[in-house]
Amino acid sequence: MHINQNNNNPKIMSLYIKKRFLRIYPIYWPIGVGMIILYILFPNLSAVNGGRDYSIISSIFLIPSNLPTALSVGWTLHVELLSMRKFYF
Protein backbone atom coordinates (compact mmCIF):
# COMPACT_ATOMS: atom_id res chain seq x y z
CA MET A 1 0.00 0.00 0.00
CA HIS A 2 1.24 3.44 -0.86
CA ILE A 3 0.53 6.41 1.37
CA ASN A 4 1.46 9.81 0.09
CA GLN A 5 1.41 12.64 2.60
CA ASN A 6 1.79 15.22 -0.18
CA ASN A 7 -1.37 14.27 -2.04
CA ASN A 8 -2.60 17.88 -1.96
CA ASN A 9 0.28 18.93 -4.19
CA PRO A 10 -0.81 18.48 -7.83
CA LYS A 11 2.78 18.44 -9.13
CA ILE A 12 3.78 15.58 -6.85
CA MET A 13 0.66 13.60 -7.69
CA SER A 14 1.03 14.08 -11.43
CA LEU A 15 4.68 12.97 -11.18
CA TYR A 16 3.62 9.89 -9.19
CA ILE A 17 0.92 8.99 -11.73
CA LYS A 18 3.30 9.54 -14.65
CA LYS A 19 5.96 7.29 -13.08
CA ARG A 20 3.36 4.65 -12.27
CA PHE A 21 2.08 4.73 -15.85
CA LEU A 22 5.61 4.38 -17.25
CA ARG A 23 6.33 1.44 -14.96
CA ILE A 24 3.19 -0.52 -15.78
CA TYR A 25 1.91 0.12 -19.30
CA PRO A 26 5.06 -0.52 -21.37
CA ILE A 27 5.13 -4.03 -19.90
CA TYR A 28 1.38 -4.62 -19.71
CA TRP A 29 0.44 -3.63 -23.27
CA PRO A 30 2.62 -6.09 -25.23
CA ILE A 31 1.65 -8.94 -22.92
CA GLY A 32 -2.05 -8.00 -22.93
CA VAL A 33 -2.16 -7.61 -26.72
CA GLY A 34 -0.24 -10.88 -27.05
CA MET A 35 -2.89 -12.63 -24.96
CA ILE A 36 -5.65 -11.15 -27.12
CA ILE A 37 -3.92 -12.45 -30.25
CA LEU A 38 -3.47 -15.88 -28.68
CA TYR A 39 -7.14 -16.03 -27.66
CA ILE A 40 -8.18 -15.04 -31.19
CA LEU A 41 -5.90 -17.65 -32.81
CA PHE A 42 -6.56 -20.37 -30.21
CA PRO A 43 -9.97 -19.79 -28.57
CA ASN A 44 -9.68 -22.98 -26.50
CA LEU A 45 -6.38 -21.85 -24.97
CA SER A 46 -8.22 -20.84 -21.83
CA ALA A 47 -9.26 -23.51 -19.35
CA VAL A 48 -12.86 -22.30 -19.65
CA ASN A 49 -15.07 -24.44 -21.92
CA GLY A 50 -15.37 -22.89 -25.37
CA GLY A 51 -12.78 -20.22 -24.73
CA ARG A 52 -12.77 -17.17 -22.54
CA ASP A 53 -14.89 -14.04 -22.77
CA TYR A 54 -12.88 -10.84 -22.43
CA SER A 55 -13.11 -7.20 -23.35
CA ILE A 56 -10.59 -5.96 -25.90
CA ILE A 57 -11.15 -2.30 -24.95
CA SER A 58 -10.83 -3.09 -21.27
CA SER A 59 -7.72 -5.15 -21.95
CA ILE A 60 -5.95 -2.38 -23.85
CA PHE A 61 -7.04 0.73 -21.97
CA LEU A 62 -7.80 -0.84 -18.56
CA ILE A 63 -11.28 0.68 -18.54
CA PRO A 64 -13.55 -1.31 -16.23
CA SER A 65 -16.24 -3.37 -17.95
CA ASN A 66 -18.46 -6.34 -17.23
CA LEU A 67 -15.97 -8.63 -18.95
CA PRO A 68 -12.46 -9.33 -17.66
CA THR A 69 -9.26 -8.32 -19.37
CA ALA A 70 -7.42 -10.80 -21.60
CA LEU A 71 -4.60 -10.83 -19.08
CA SER A 72 -6.29 -12.07 -15.91
CA VAL A 73 -4.28 -9.90 -13.51
CA GLY A 74 -5.55 -6.77 -15.28
CA TRP A 75 -8.33 -6.46 -12.70
CA THR A 76 -5.78 -5.27 -10.14
CA LEU A 77 -4.84 -2.40 -12.42
CA HIS A 78 -8.53 -1.54 -12.85
CA VAL A 79 -8.85 -1.24 -9.08
CA GLU A 80 -5.71 0.86 -8.85
CA LEU A 81 -6.86 3.26 -11.56
CA LEU A 82 -10.28 3.60 -9.95
CA SER A 83 -8.75 4.35 -6.56
CA MET A 84 -6.38 6.91 -8.08
CA ARG A 85 -9.30 8.63 -9.76
CA LYS A 86 -11.33 8.61 -6.57
CA PHE A 87 -8.65 9.83 -4.18
CA TYR A 88 -6.53 12.10 -6.35
CA PHE A 89 -8.94 13.72 -8.79
C-alpha atoms as a PDB file:
ATOM      1  CA  MET A   1       0.000   0.000   0.000  1.00  0.00           C
ATOM      2  CA  HIS A   2       1.237   3.440  -0.856  1.00  0.00           C
ATOM      3  CA  ILE A   3       0.532   6.410   1.370  1.00  0.00           C
ATOM      4  CA  ASN A   4       1.459   9.813   0.093  1.00  0.00           C
ATOM      5  CA  GLN A   5       1.407  12.638   2.598  1.00  0.00           C
ATOM      6  CA  ASN A   6       1.792  15.221  -0.177  1.00  0.00           C
ATOM      7  CA  ASN A   7      -1.372  14.269  -2.040  1.00  0.00           C
ATOM      8  CA  ASN A   8      -2.596  17.878  -1.955  1.00  0.00           C
ATOM      9  CA  ASN A   9       0.280  18.932  -4.186  1.00  0.00           C
ATOM     10  CA  PRO A  10      -0.808  18.478  -7.831  1.00  0.00           C
ATOM     11  CA  LYS A  11       2.779  18.442  -9.134  1.00  0.00           C
ATOM     12  CA  ILE A  12       3.776  15.583  -6.850  1.00  0.00           C
ATOM     13  CA  MET A  13       0.655  13.602  -7.689  1.00  0.00           C
ATOM     14  CA  SER A  14       1.034  14.082 -11.426  1.00  0.00           C
ATOM     15  CA  LEU A  15       4.675  12.970 -11.177  1.00  0.00           C
ATOM     16  CA  TYR A  16       3.620   9.889  -9.191  1.00  0.00           C
ATOM     17  CA  ILE A  17       0.922   8.990 -11.732  1.00  0.00           C
ATOM     18  CA  LYS A  18       3.301   9.535 -14.651  1.00  0.00           C
ATOM     19  CA  LYS A  19       5.958   7.290 -13.084  1.00  0.00           C
ATOM     20  CA  ARG A  20       3.359   4.646 -12.272  1.00  0.00           C
ATOM     21  CA  PHE A  21       2.078   4.729 -15.855  1.00  0.00           C
ATOM     22  CA  LEU A  22       5.610   4.382 -17.254  1.00  0.00           C
ATOM     23  CA  ARG A  23       6.333   1.436 -14.958  1.00  0.00           C
ATOM     24  CA  ILE A  24       3.190  -0.524 -15.780  1.00  0.00           C
ATOM     25  CA  TYR A  25       1.911   0.125 -19.296  1.00  0.00           C
ATOM     26  CA  PRO A  26       5.061  -0.515 -21.368  1.00  0.00           C
ATOM     27  CA  ILE A  27       5.126  -4.029 -19.903  1.00  0.00           C
ATOM     28  CA  TYR A  28       1.375  -4.620 -19.712  1.00  0.00           C
ATOM     29  CA  TRP A  29       0.439  -3.626 -23.273  1.00  0.00           C
ATOM     30  CA  PRO A  30       2.619  -6.093 -25.228  1.00  0.00           C
ATOM     31  CA  ILE A  31       1.652  -8.945 -22.922  1.00  0.00           C
ATOM     32  CA  GLY A  32      -2.049  -7.996 -22.930  1.00  0.00           C
ATOM     33  CA  VAL A  33      -2.157  -7.610 -26.719  1.00  0.00           C
ATOM     34  CA  GLY A  34      -0.236 -10.877 -27.050  1.00  0.00           C
ATOM     35  CA  MET A  35      -2.893 -12.634 -24.963  1.00  0.00           C
ATOM     36  CA  ILE A  36      -5.655 -11.149 -27.116  1.00  0.00           C
ATOM     37  CA  ILE A  37      -3.921 -12.447 -30.251  1.00  0.00           C
ATOM     38  CA  LEU A  38      -3.467 -15.877 -28.682  1.00  0.00           C
ATOM     39  CA  TYR A  39      -7.145 -16.030 -27.661  1.00  0.00           C
ATOM     40  CA  ILE A  40      -8.177 -15.045 -31.192  1.00  0.00           C
ATOM     41  CA  LEU A  41      -5.903 -17.648 -32.810  1.00  0.00           C
ATOM     42  CA  PHE A  42      -6.556 -20.369 -30.210  1.00  0.00           C
ATOM     43  CA  PRO A  43      -9.968 -19.792 -28.567  1.00  0.00           C
ATOM     44  CA  ASN A  44      -9.675 -22.976 -26.500  1.00  0.00           C
ATOM     45  CA  LEU A  45      -6.375 -21.855 -24.972  1.00  0.00           C
ATOM     46  CA  SER A  46      -8.220 -20.842 -21.832  1.00  0.00           C
ATOM     47  CA  ALA A  47      -9.263 -23.511 -19.354  1.00  0.00           C
ATOM     48  CA  VAL A  48     -12.865 -22.302 -19.652  1.00  0.00           C
ATOM     49  CA  ASN A  49     -15.067 -24.444 -21.920  1.00  0.00           C
ATOM     50  CA  GLY A  50     -15.365 -22.889 -25.367  1.00  0.00           C
ATOM     51  CA  GLY A  51     -12.781 -20.217 -24.727  1.00  0.00           C
ATOM     52  CA  ARG A  52     -12.770 -17.174 -22.539  1.00  0.00           C
ATOM     53  CA  ASP A  53     -14.887 -14.041 -22.767  1.00  0.00           C
ATOM     54  CA  TYR A  54     -12.876 -10.845 -22.431  1.00  0.00           C
ATOM     55  CA  SER A  55     -13.114  -7.198 -23.350  1.00  0.00           C
ATOM     56  CA  ILE A  56     -10.593  -5.961 -25.905  1.00  0.00           C
ATOM     57  CA  ILE A  57     -11.151  -2.296 -24.953  1.00  0.00           C
ATOM     58  CA  SER A  58     -10.832  -3.093 -21.266  1.00  0.00           C
ATOM     59  CA  SER A  59      -7.718  -5.145 -21.951  1.00  0.00           C
ATOM     60  CA  ILE A  60      -5.951  -2.377 -23.851  1.00  0.00           C
ATOM     61  CA  PHE A  61      -7.044   0.734 -21.965  1.00  0.00           C
ATOM     62  CA  LEU A  62      -7.800  -0.835 -18.556  1.00  0.00           C
ATOM     63  CA  ILE A  63     -11.275   0.683 -18.541  1.00  0.00           C
ATOM     64  CA  PRO A  64     -13.554  -1.309 -16.233  1.00  0.00           C
ATOM     65  CA  SER A  65     -16.237  -3.368 -17.949  1.00  0.00           C
ATOM     66  CA  ASN A  66     -18.457  -6.344 -17.233  1.00  0.00           C
ATOM     67  CA  LEU A  67     -15.973  -8.630 -18.946  1.00  0.00           C
ATOM     68  CA  PRO A  68     -12.461  -9.333 -17.658  1.00  0.00           C
ATOM     69  CA  THR A  69      -9.255  -8.316 -19.373  1.00  0.00           C
ATOM     70  CA  ALA A  70      -7.423 -10.796 -21.600  1.00  0.00           C
ATOM     71  CA  LEU A  71      -4.596 -10.828 -19.076  1.00  0.00           C
ATOM     72  CA  SER A  72      -6.295 -12.070 -15.913  1.00  0.00           C
ATOM     73  CA  VAL A  73      -4.284  -9.899 -13.514  1.00  0.00           C
ATOM     74  CA  GLY A  74      -5.546  -6.766 -15.281  1.00  0.00           C
ATOM     75  CA  TRP A  75      -8.334  -6.458 -12.704  1.00  0.00           C
ATOM     76  CA  THR A  76      -5.783  -5.269 -10.138  1.00  0.00           C
ATOM     77  CA  LEU A  77      -4.836  -2.396 -12.425  1.00  0.00           C
ATOM     78  CA  HIS A  78      -8.532  -1.535 -12.845  1.00  0.00           C
ATOM     79  CA  VAL A  79      -8.850  -1.241  -9.080  1.00  0.00           C
ATOM     80  CA  GLU A  80      -5.707   0.861  -8.850  1.00  0.00           C
ATOM     81  CA  LEU A  81      -6.857   3.261 -11.557  1.00  0.00           C
ATOM     82  CA  LEU A  82     -10.277   3.601  -9.950  1.00  0.00           C
ATOM     83  CA  SER A  83      -8.754   4.350  -6.559  1.00  0.00           C
ATOM     84  CA  MET A  84      -6.380   6.912  -8.081  1.00  0.00           C
ATOM     85  CA  ARG A  85      -9.297   8.626  -9.761  1.00  0.00           C
ATOM     86  CA  LYS A  86     -11.330   8.609  -6.573  1.00  0.00           C
ATOM     87  CA  PHE A  87      -8.655   9.829  -4.181  1.00  0.00           C
ATOM     88  CA  TYR A  88      -6.528  12.101  -6.353  1.00  0.00           C
ATOM     89  CA  PHE A  89      -8.938  13.718  -8.794  1.00  0.00           C
END
